Amino acid sequence: GGGLVQAGGSLRLSCAASGRTFSRYAMGWFRQAPGKERE
């Protein structure tokens, strides 16, 4: 779902998981910009 978008626009990211116990997991999103730490 990533891509190029103009400021003010929208995107929806998806993350598909394998495994039968997905519902038990906490899921998180992180990001890392060039030259910066993951946040």
PDB file of all heavy atoms in Angstrom:
ATOM      1  N   GLY A   1       0.780  -1.235   0.000  1.00  0.00           N
ATOM      2  CA  GLY A   1       0.000   0.000   0.000  1.00  0.00           C
ATOM      3  C   GLY A   1       0.810   1.282   0.000  1.00  0.00           C
ATOM      4  O   GLY A   1       0.240   2.367  -0.080  1.00  0.00           O
ATOM      5  N   GLY A   2       2.119   1.166   0.103  1.00  0.00           N
ATOM      6  CA  GLY A   2       2.934   2.369   0.071  1.00  0.00           C
ATOM      7  C   GLY A   2       2.939   3.003  -1.314  1.00  0.00           C
ATOM      8  O   GLY A   2       2.455   2.432  -2.282  1.00  0.00           O
ATOM      9  N   GLY A   3       3.488   4.214  -1.382  1.00  0.00           N
ATOM     10  CA  GLY A   3       3.565   4.894  -2.664  1.00  0.00           C
ATOM     11  C   GLY A   3       3.892   6.361  -2.502  1.00  0.00           C
ATOM     12  O   GLY A   3       4.310   6.808  -1.425  1.00  0.00           O
ATOM     13  N   LEU A   4       3.699   7.077  -3.581  1.00  0.00           N
ATOM     14  CA  LEU A   4       3.962   8.519  -3.615  1.00  0.00           C
ATOM     15  C   LEU A   4       2.634   9.262  -3.571  1.00  0.00           C
ATOM     16  O   LEU A   4       1.715   8.950  -4.338  1.00  0.00           O
ATOM     17  CB  LEU A   4       4.727   8.863  -4.896  1.00  0.00           C
ATOM     18  CG  LEU A   4       4.954  10.349  -5.191  1.00  0.00           C
ATOM     19  CD1 LEU A   4       5.849  10.964  -4.120  1.00  0.00           C
ATOM     20  CD2 LEU A   4       5.559  10.525  -6.574  1.00  0.00           C
ATOM     21  N   VAL A   5       2.548  10.249  -2.676  1.00  0.00           N
ATOM     22  CA  VAL A   5       1.318  11.008  -2.525  1.00  0.00           C
ATOM     23  C   VAL A   5       1.679  12.450  -2.233  1.00  0.00           C
ATOM     24  O   VAL A   5       2.734  12.720  -1.649  1.00  0.00           O
ATOM     25  CB  VAL A   5       0.440  10.401  -1.412  1.00  0.00           C
ATOM     26  CG1 VAL A   5       1.115  10.485  -0.059  1.00  0.00           C
ATOM     27  CG2 VAL A   5      -0.932  11.041  -1.378  1.00  0.00           C
ATOM     28  N   GLN A   6       0.828  13.357  -2.620  1.00  0.00           N
ATOM     29  CA  GLN A   6       1.060  14.766  -2.328  1.00  0.00           C
ATOM     30  C   GLN A   6       0.670  15.079  -0.888  1.00  0.00           C
ATOM     31  O   GLN A   6      -0.183  14.396  -0.296  1.00  0.00           O
ATOM     32  CB  GLN A   6       0.252  15.650  -3.277  1.00  0.00           C
ATOM     33  CG  GLN A   6       0.771  15.661  -4.703  1.00  0.00           C
ATOM     34  CD  GLN A   6       0.057  16.685  -5.576  1.00  0.00           C
ATOM     35  OE1 GLN A   6      -1.105  17.007  -5.347  1.00  0.00           O
ATOM     36  NE2 GLN A   6       0.753  17.207  -6.569  1.00  0.00           N
ATOM     37  N   ALA A   7       1.265  16.119  -0.359  1.00  0.00           N
ATOM     38  CA  ALA A   7       0.926  16.563   0.989  1.00  0.00           C
ATOM     39  C   ALA A   7      -0.576  16.835   1.071  1.00  0.00           C
ATOM     40  O   ALA A   7      -1.166  17.411   0.147  1.00  0.00           O
ATOM     41  CB  ALA A   7       1.715  17.809   1.336  1.00  0.00           C
ATOM     42  N   GLY A   8      -1.162  16.390   2.168  1.00  0.00           N
ATOM     43  CA  GLY A   8      -2.600  16.524   2.347  1.00  0.00           C
ATOM     44  C   GLY A   8      -3.386  15.315   1.884  1.00  0.00           C
ATOM     45  O   GLY A   8      -4.589  15.204   2.170  1.00  0.00           O
ATOM     46  N   GLY A   9      -2.714  14.425   1.177  1.00  0.00           N
ATOM     47  CA  GLY A   9      -3.378  13.246   0.655  1.00  0.00           C
ATOM     48  C   GLY A   9      -3.457  12.116   1.658  1.00  0.00           C
ATOM     49  O   GLY A   9      -3.088  12.268   2.834  1.00  0.00           O
ATOM     50  N   SER A  10      -3.940  10.970   1.171  1.00  0.00           N
ATOM     51  CA  SER A  10      -4.155   9.809   2.033  1.00  0.00           C
ATOM     52  C   SER A  10      -3.579   8.551   1.404  1.00  0.00           C
ATOM     53  O   SER A  10      -3.476   8.445   0.172  1.00  0.00           O
ATOM     54  CB  SER A  10      -5.656   9.592   2.268  1.00  0.00           C
ATOM     55  OG  SER A  10      -6.243  10.699   2.911  1.00  0.00           O
ATOM     56  N   LEU A  11      -3.219   7.622   2.251  1.00  0.00           N
ATOM     57  CA  LEU A  11      -2.797   6.284   1.852  1.00  0.00           C
ATOM     58  C   LEU A  11      -3.293   5.310   2.902  1.00  0.00           C
ATOM     59  O   LEU A  11      -3.418   5.669   4.079  1.00  0.00           O
ATOM     60  CB  LEU A  11      -1.283   6.181   1.753  1.00  0.00           C
ATOM     61  CG  LEU A  11      -0.564   6.667   0.503  1.00  0.00           C
ATOM     62  CD1 LEU A  11       0.946   6.529   0.681  1.00  0.00           C
ATOM     63  CD2 LEU A  11      -1.026   5.916  -0.727  1.00  0.00           C
ATOM     64  N   ARG A  12      -3.524   4.080   2.483  1.00  0.00           N
ATOM     65  CA  ARG A  12      -3.837   3.016   3.426  1.00  0.00           C
ATOM     66  C   ARG A  12      -2.828   1.902   3.266  1.00  0.00           C
ATOM     67  O   ARG A  12      -2.699   1.330   2.178  1.00  0.00           O
ATOM     68  CB  ARG A  12      -5.245   2.469   3.224  1.00  0.00           C
ATOM     69  CG  ARG A  12      -5.575   1.318   4.177  1.00  0.00           C
ATOM     70  CD  ARG A  12      -6.989   0.808   3.997  1.00  0.00           C
ATOM     71  NE  ARG A  12      -7.968   1.785   4.428  1.00  0.00           N
ATOM     72  CZ  ARG A  12      -9.283   1.570   4.401  1.00  0.00           C
ATOM     73  NH1 ARG A  12      -9.750   0.419   3.979  1.00  0.00           N
ATOM     74  NH2 ARG A  12     -10.113   2.508   4.806  1.00  0.00           N
ATOM     75  N   LEU A  13      -2.127   1.621   4.319  1.00  0.00           N
ATOM     76  CA  LEU A  13      -1.181   0.512   4.330  1.00  0.00           C
ATOM     77  C   LEU A  13      -1.871  -0.735   4.864  1.00  0.00           C
ATOM     78  O   LEU A  13      -2.731  -0.652   5.739  1.00  0.00           O
ATOM     79  CB  LEU A  13       0.025   0.837   5.199  1.00  0.00           C
ATOM     80  CG  LEU A  13       0.792   2.119   4.868  1.00  0.00           C
ATOM     81  CD1 LEU A  13       2.008   2.245   5.784  1.00  0.00           C
ATOM     82  CD2 LEU A  13       1.193   2.165   3.420  1.00  0.00           C
ATOM     83  N   SER A  14      -1.458  -1.870   4.340  1.00  0.00           N
ATOM     84  CA  SER A  14      -1.954  -3.153   4.810  1.00  0.00           C
ATOM     85  C   SER A  14      -0.784  -4.023   5.223  1.00  0.00           C
ATOM     86  O   SER A  14       0.314  -3.904   4.659  1.00  0.00           O
ATOM     87  CB  SER A  14      -2.740  -3.866   3.713  1.00  0.00           C
ATOM     88  OG  SER A  14      -3.839  -3.103   3.280  1.00  0.00           O
ATOM     89  N   CYS A  15      -1.032  -4.891   6.164  1.00  0.00           N
ATOM     90  CA  CYS A  15      -0.023  -5.854   6.594  1.00  0.00           C
ATOM     91  C   CYS A  15      -0.726  -7.186   6.787  1.00  0.00           C
ATOM     92  O   CYS A  15      -1.540  -7.340   7.701  1.00  0.00           O
ATOM     93  CB  CYS A  15       0.642  -5.396   7.883  1.00  0.00           C
ATOM     94  SG  CYS A  15       1.767  -6.604   8.610  1.00  0.00           S
ATOM     95  N   ALA A  16      -0.411  -8.136   5.921  1.00  0.00           N
ATOM     96  CA  ALA A  16      -1.005  -9.454   5.997  1.00  0.00           C
ATOM     97  C   ALA A  16      -0.080 -10.384   6.774  1.00  0.00           C
ATOM     98  O   ALA A  16       1.134 -10.426   6.518  1.00  0.00           O
ATOM     99  CB  ALA A  16      -1.239  -9.997   4.595  1.00  0.00           C
ATOM    100  N   ALA A  17      -0.668 -11.130   7.694  1.00  0.00           N
ATOM    101  CA  ALA A  17       0.115 -12.007   8.559  1.00  0.00           C
ATOM    102  C   ALA A  17      -0.237 -13.466   8.323  1.00  0.00           C
ATOM    103  O   ALA A  17      -1.394 -13.799   8.051  1.00  0.00           O
ATOM    104  CB  ALA A  17      -0.141 -11.656  10.017  1.00  0.00           C
ATOM    105  N   SER A  18       0.766 -14.300   8.422  1.00  0.00           N
ATOM    106  CA  SER A  18       0.539 -15.739   8.383  1.00  0.00           C
ATOM    107  C   SER A  18       0.270 -16.228   9.798  1.00  0.00           C
ATOM    108  O   SER A  18       0.509 -15.501  10.771  1.00  0.00           O
ATOM    109  CB  SER A  18       1.752 -16.455   7.795  1.00  0.00           C
ATOM    110  OG  SER A  18       2.865 -16.283   8.664  1.00  0.00           O
ATOM    111  N   GLY A  19      -0.214 -17.455   9.918  1.00  0.00           N
ATOM    112  CA  GLY A  19      -0.391 -18.020  11.250  1.00  0.00           C
ATOM    113  C   GLY A  19      -1.831 -17.991  11.708  1.00  0.00           C
ATOM    114  O   GLY A  19      -2.618 -17.152  11.271  1.00  0.00           O
ATOM    115  N   ARG A  20      -2.135 -18.911  12.623  1.00  0.00           N
ATOM    116  CA  ARG A  20      -3.517 -19.070  13.065  1.00  0.00           C
ATOM    117  C   ARG A  20      -3.834 -18.318  14.351  1.00  0.00           C
ATOM    118  O   ARG A  20      -4.969 -18.333  14.792  1.00  0.00           O
ATOM    119  CB  ARG A  20      -3.804 -20.554  13.284  1.00  0.00           C
ATOM    120  CG  ARG A  20      -3.749 -21.372  12.006  1.00  0.00           C
ATOM    121  CD  ARG A  20      -4.027 -22.840  12.294  1.00  0.00           C
ATOM    122  NE  ARG A  20      -2.964 -23.438  13.073  1.00  0.00           N
ATOM    123  CZ  ARG A  20      -2.981 -24.700  13.484  1.00  0.00           C
ATOM    124  NH1 ARG A  20      -4.026 -25.454  13.252  1.00  0.00           N
ATOM    125  NH2 ARG A  20      -1.970 -25.183  14.179  1.00  0.00           N
ATOM    126  N   THR A  21      -2.838 -17.667  14.936  1.00  0.00           N
ATOM    127  CA  THR A  21      -3.072 -16.993  16.201  1.00  0.00           C
ATOM    128  C   THR A  21      -2.942 -15.483  16.068  1.00  0.00           C
ATOM    129  O   THR A  21      -2.639 -14.795  17.044  1.00  0.00           O
ATOM    130  CB  THR A  21      -2.089 -17.507  17.261  1.00  0.00           C
ATOM    131  OG1 THR A  21      -0.744 -17.330  16.788  1.00  0.00           O
ATOM    132  CG2 THR A  21      -2.341 -18.959  17.564  1.00  0.00           C
ATOM    133  N   PHE A  22      -3.190 -14.969  14.890  1.00  0.00           N
ATOM    134  CA  PHE A  22      -3.044 -13.539  14.623  1.00  0.00           C
ATOM    135  C   PHE A  22      -3.828 -12.696  15.604  1.00  0.00           C
ATOM    136  O   PHE A  22      -3.346 -11.680  16.090  1.00  0.00           O
ATOM    137  CB  PHE A  22      -3.500 -13.241  13.196  1.00  0.00           C
ATOM    138  CG  PHE A  22      -3.586 -11.779  12.872  1.00  0.00           C
ATOM    139  CD1 PHE A  22      -2.434 -11.060  12.559  1.00  0.00           C
ATOM    140  CD2 PHE A  22      -4.804 -11.124  12.867  1.00  0.00           C
ATOM    141  CE1 PHE A  22      -2.504  -9.713  12.260  1.00  0.00           C
ATOM    142  CE2 PHE A  22      -4.890  -9.781  12.561  1.00  0.00           C
ATOM    143  CZ  PHE A  22      -3.734  -9.072  12.253  1.00  0.00           C
ATOM    144  N   SER A  23      -5.046 -13.115  15.927  1.00  0.00           N
ATOM    145  CA  SER A  23      -5.902 -12.296  16.777  1.00  0.00           C
ATOM    146  C   SER A  23      -5.306 -12.081  18.170  1.00  0.00           C
ATOM    147  O   SER A  23      -5.659 -11.120  18.854  1.00  0.00           O
ATOM    148  CB  SER A  23      -7.286 -12.915  16.879  1.00  0.00           C
ATOM    149  OG  SER A  23      -7.226 -14.189  17.487  1.00  0.00           O
ATOM    150  N   ARG A  24      -4.414 -12.944  18.595  1.00  0.00           N
ATOM    151  CA  ARG A  24      -3.814 -12.812  19.928  1.00  0.00           C
ATOM    152  C   ARG A  24      -2.670 -11.809  19.967  1.00  0.00           C
ATOM    153  O   ARG A  24      -2.244 -11.394  21.046  1.00  0.00           O
ATOM    154  CB  ARG A  24      -3.278 -14.165  20.388  1.00  0.00           C
ATOM    155  CG  ARG A  24      -4.332 -15.241  20.497  1.00  0.00           C
ATOM    156  CD  ARG A  24      -3.705 -16.535  20.972  1.00  0.00           C
ATOM    157  NE  ARG A  24      -4.646 -17.648  20.967  1.00  0.00           N
ATOM    158  CZ  ARG A  24      -4.308 -18.900  21.276  1.00  0.00           C
ATOM    159  NH1 ARG A  24      -3.076 -19.182  21.624  1.00  0.00           N
ATOM    160  NH2 ARG A  24      -5.206 -19.849  21.238  1.00  0.00           N
ATOM    161  N   TYR A  25      -2.155 -11.460  18.812  1.00  0.00           N
ATOM    162  CA  TYR A  25      -0.990 -10.586  18.784  1.00  0.00           C
ATOM    163  C   TYR A  25      -1.397  -9.128  18.888  1.00  0.00           C
ATOM    164  O   TYR A  25      -2.417  -8.718  18.332  1.00  0.00           O
ATOM    165  CB  TYR A  25      -0.203 -10.748  17.487  1.00  0.00           C
ATOM    166  CG  TYR A  25       0.287 -12.131  17.180  1.00  0.00           C
ATOM    167  CD1 TYR A  25       0.465 -12.533  15.863  1.00  0.00           C
ATOM    168  CD2 TYR A  25       0.587 -13.029  18.194  1.00  0.00           C
ATOM    169  CE1 TYR A  25       0.919 -13.797  15.562  1.00  0.00           C
ATOM    170  CE2 TYR A  25       1.039 -14.301  17.901  1.00  0.00           C
ATOM    171  CZ  TYR A  25       1.198 -14.682  16.576  1.00  0.00           C
ATOM    172  OH  TYR A  25       1.657 -15.930  16.280  1.00  0.00           O
ATOM    173  N   ALA A  26      -0.579  -8.337  19.534  1.00  0.00           N
ATOM    174  CA  ALA A  26      -0.648  -6.906  19.327  1.00  0.00           C
ATOM    175  C   ALA A  26       0.116  -6.614  18.043  1.00  0.00           C
ATOM    176  O   ALA A  26       1.165  -7.216  17.786  1.00  0.00           O
ATOM    177  CB  ALA A  26      -0.018  -6.158  20.493  1.00  0.00           C
ATOM    178  N   MET A  27      -0.419  -5.708  17.247  1.00  0.00           N
ATOM    179  CA  MET A  27       0.222  -5.353  15.990  1.00  0.00           C
ATOM    180  C   MET A  27       0.615  -3.892  16.037  1.00  0.00           C
ATOM    181  O   MET A  27      -0.141  -3.034  16.518  1.00  0.00           O
ATOM    182  CB  MET A  27      -0.717  -5.595  14.822  1.00  0.00           C
ATOM    183  CG  MET A  27      -1.141  -7.057  14.659  1.00  0.00           C
ATOM    184  SD  MET A  27       0.260  -8.162  14.356  1.00  0.00           S
ATOM    185  CE  MET A  27       0.833  -7.542  12.783  1.00  0.00           C
ATOM    186  N   GLY A  28       1.790  -3.619  15.525  1.00  0.00           N
ATOM    187  CA  GLY A  28       2.268  -2.247  15.535  1.00  0.00           C
ATOM    188  C   GLY A  28       2.751  -1.801  14.164  1.00  0.00           C
ATOM    189  O   GLY A  28       3.086  -2.631  13.313  1.00  0.00           O
ATOM    190  N   TRP A  29       2.750  -0.511  13.980  1.00  0.00           N
ATOM    191  CA  TRP A  29       3.357   0.103  12.802  1.00  0.00           C
ATOM    192  C   TRP A  29       4.492   1.009  13.277  1.00  0.00           C
ATOM    193  O   TRP A  29       4.332   1.769  14.238  1.00  0.00           O
ATOM    194  CB  TRP A  29       2.354   0.936  12.013  1.00  0.00           C
ATOM    195  CG  TRP A  29       1.388   0.139  11.203  1.00  0.00           C
ATOM    196  CD1 TRP A  29       0.124  -0.213  11.552  1.00  0.00           C
ATOM    197  CD2 TRP A  29       1.610  -0.414   9.908  1.00  0.00           C
ATOM    198  NE1 TRP A  29      -0.459  -0.956  10.552  1.00  0.00           N
ATOM    199  CE2 TRP A  29       0.433  -1.084   9.524  1.00  0.00           C
ATOM    200  CE3 TRP A  29       2.696  -0.400   9.010  1.00  0.00           C
ATOM    201  CZ2 TRP A  29       0.300  -1.743   8.295  1.00  0.00           C
ATOM    202  CZ3 TRP A  29       2.566  -1.047   7.793  1.00  0.00           C
ATOM    203  CH2 TRP A  29       1.379  -1.715   7.446  1.00  0.00           C
ATOM    204  N   PHE A  30       5.614   0.907  12.593  1.00  0.00           N
ATOM    205  CA  PHE A  30       6.779   1.742  12.849  1.00  0.00           C
ATOM    206  C   PHE A  30       7.226   2.348  11.520  1.00  0.00           C
ATOM    207  O   PHE A  30       6.811   1.883  10.456  1.00  0.00           O
ATOM    208  CB  PHE A  30       7.926   0.903  13.446  1.00  0.00           C
ATOM    209  CG  PHE A  30       7.640   0.387  14.829  1.00  0.00           C
ATOM    210  CD1 PHE A  30       6.805  -0.702  15.030  1.00  0.00           C
ATOM    211  CD2 PHE A  30       8.221   0.982  15.936  1.00  0.00           C
ATOM    212  CE1 PHE A  30       6.533  -1.180  16.307  1.00  0.00           C
ATOM    213  CE2 PHE A  30       7.966   0.511  17.214  1.00  0.00           C
ATOM    214  CZ  PHE A  30       7.116  -0.568  17.394  1.00  0.00           C
ATOM    215  N   ARG A  31       8.074   3.338  11.617  1.00  0.00           N
ATOM    216  CA  ARG A  31       8.605   3.924  10.387  1.00  0.00           C
ATOM    217  C   ARG A  31      10.047   4.375  10.605  1.00  0.00           C
ATOM    218  O   ARG A  31      10.457   4.645  11.733  1.00  0.00           O
ATOM    219  CB  ARG A  31       7.753   5.098   9.919  1.00  0.00           C
ATOM    220  CG  ARG A  31       7.751   6.309  10.851  1.00  0.00           C
ATOM    221  CD  ARG A  31       6.728   7.334  10.372  1.00  0.00           C
ATOM    222  NE  ARG A  31       6.738   8.529  11.214  1.00  0.00           N
ATOM    223  CZ  ARG A  31       5.859   9.511  11.086  1.00  0.00           C
ATOM    224  NH1 ARG A  31       4.906   9.457  10.162  1.00  0.00           N
ATOM    225  NH2 ARG A  31       5.925  10.575  11.880  1.00  0.00           N
ATOM    226  N   GLN A  32      10.764   4.427   9.506  1.00  0.00           N
ATOM    227  CA  GLN A  32      12.142   4.879   9.566  1.00  0.00           C
ATOM    228  C   GLN A  32      12.443   5.748   8.357  1.00  0.00           C
ATOM    229  O   GLN A  32      12.344   5.291   7.216  1.00  0.00           O
ATOM    230  CB  GLN A  32      13.118   3.701   9.625  1.00  0.00           C
ATOM    231  CG  GLN A  32      14.554   4.131   9.853  1.00  0.00           C
ATOM    232  CD  GLN A  32      15.450   2.981  10.253  1.00  0.00           C
ATOM    233  OE1 GLN A  32      15.149   1.811  10.001  1.00  0.00           O
ATOM    234  NE2 GLN A  32      16.567   3.293  10.887  1.00  0.00           N
ATOM    235  N   ALA A  33      12.769   6.984   8.630  1.00  0.00           N
ATOM    236  CA  ALA A  33      13.137   7.926   7.579  1.00  0.00           C
ATOM    237  C   ALA A  33      14.649   7.865   7.364  1.00  0.00           C
ATOM    238  O   ALA A  33      15.394   7.462   8.260  1.00  0.00           O
ATOM    239  CB  ALA A  33      12.711   9.333   7.972  1.00  0.00           C
ATOM    240  N   PRO A  34      15.121   8.269   6.196  1.00  0.00           N
ATOM    241  CA  PRO A  34      16.569   8.231   5.924  1.00  0.00           C
ATOM    242  C   PRO A  34      17.351   9.022   6.960  1.00  0.00           C
ATOM    243  O   PRO A  34      17.010  10.167   7.270  1.00  0.00           O
ATOM    244  CB  PRO A  34      16.675   8.872   4.537  1.00  0.00           C
ATOM    245  CG  PRO A  34      15.353   8.628   3.912  1.00  0.00           C
ATOM    246  CD  PRO A  34      14.352   8.705   5.033  1.00  0.00           C
ATOM    247  N   GLY A  35      18.375   8.391   7.505  1.00  0.00           N
ATOM    248  CA  GLY A  35      19.225   9.058   8.474  1.00  0.00           C
ATOM    249  C   GLY A  35      18.640   9.190   9.857  1.00  0.00           C
ATOM    250  O   GLY A  35      19.252   9.810  10.731  1.00  0.00           O
ATOM    251  N   LYS A  36      17.477   8.598  10.071  1.00  0.00           N
ATOM    252  CA  LYS A  36      16.828   8.698  11.375  1.00  0.00           C
ATOM    253  C   LYS A  36      16.600   7.320  11.967  1.00  0.00           C
ATOM    254  O   LYS A  36      16.619   6.315  11.258  1.00  0.00           O
ATOM    255  CB  LYS A  36      15.508   9.455  11.263  1.00  0.00           C
ATOM    256  CG  LYS A  36      15.652  10.907  10.851  1.00  0.00           C
ATOM    257  CD  LYS A  36      14.324  11.625  10.929  1.00  0.00           C
ATOM    258  CE  LYS A  36      14.465  13.099  10.593  1.00  0.00           C
ATOM    259  NZ  LYS A  36      13.161  13.818  10.692  1.00  0.00           N
ATOM    260  N   GLU A  37      16.377   7.316  13.269  1.00  0.00           N
ATOM    261  CA  GLU A  37      16.082   6.056  13.921  1.00  0.00           C
ATOM    262  C   GLU A  37      14.642   5.636  13.639  1.00  0.00           C
ATOM    263  O   GLU A  37      13.770   6.467  13.353  1.00  0.00           O
ATOM    264  CB  GLU A  37      16.304   6.184  15.431  1.00  0.00           C
ATOM    265  CG  GLU A  37      17.758   6.404  15.813  1.00  0.00           C
ATOM    266  CD  GLU A  37      17.971   6.368  17.308  1.00  0.00           C
ATOM    267  OE1 GLU A  37      16.967   6.329  18.057  1.00  0.00           O
ATOM    268  OE2 GLU A  37      19.139   6.389  17.720  1.00  0.00           O
ATOM    269  N   ARG A  38      14.415   4.350  13.782  1.00  0.00           N
ATOM    270  CA  ARG A  38      13.057   3.847  13.657  1.00  0.00           C
ATOM    271  C   ARG A  38      12.200   4.420  14.765  1.00  0.00           C
ATOM    272  O   ARG A  38      12.647   4.532  15.909  1.00  0.00           O
ATOM    273  CB  ARG A  38      13.083   2.327  13.753  1.00  0.00           C
ATOM    274  CG  ARG A  38      11.739   1.654  13.589  1.00  0.00           C
ATOM    275  CD  ARG A  38      11.890   0.152  13.737  1.00  0.00           C
ATOM    276  NE  ARG A  38      12.397  -0.218  15.049  1.00  0.00           N
ATOM    277  CZ  ARG A  38      12.902  -1.409  15.337  1.00  0.00           C
ATOM    278  NH1 ARG A  38      12.997  -2.328  14.403  1.00  0.00           N
ATOM    279  NH2 ARG A  38      13.327  -1.672  16.562  1.00  0.00           N
ATOM    280  N   GLU A  39      10.962   4.791  14.429  1.00  0.00           N
ATOM    281  CA  GLU A  39      10.068   5.338  15.434  1.00  0.00           C
ATOM    282  C   GLU A  39       8.703   4.663  15.383  1.00  0.00           C
ATOM    283  O   GLU A  39       8.244   4.215  14.333  1.00  0.00           O
ATOM    284  CB  GLU A  39       9.905   6.856  15.259  1.00  0.00           C
ATOM    285  CG  GLU A  39       9.228   7.293  13.994  1.00  0.00           C
ATOM    286  CD  GLU A  39       8.942   8.782  13.966  1.00  0.00           C
ATOM    287  OE1 GLU A  39       9.173   9.479  14.965  1.00  0.00           O
ATOM    288  OE2 GLU A  39       8.459   9.253  12.909  1.00  0.00           O
TER     289      GLU A  39
END
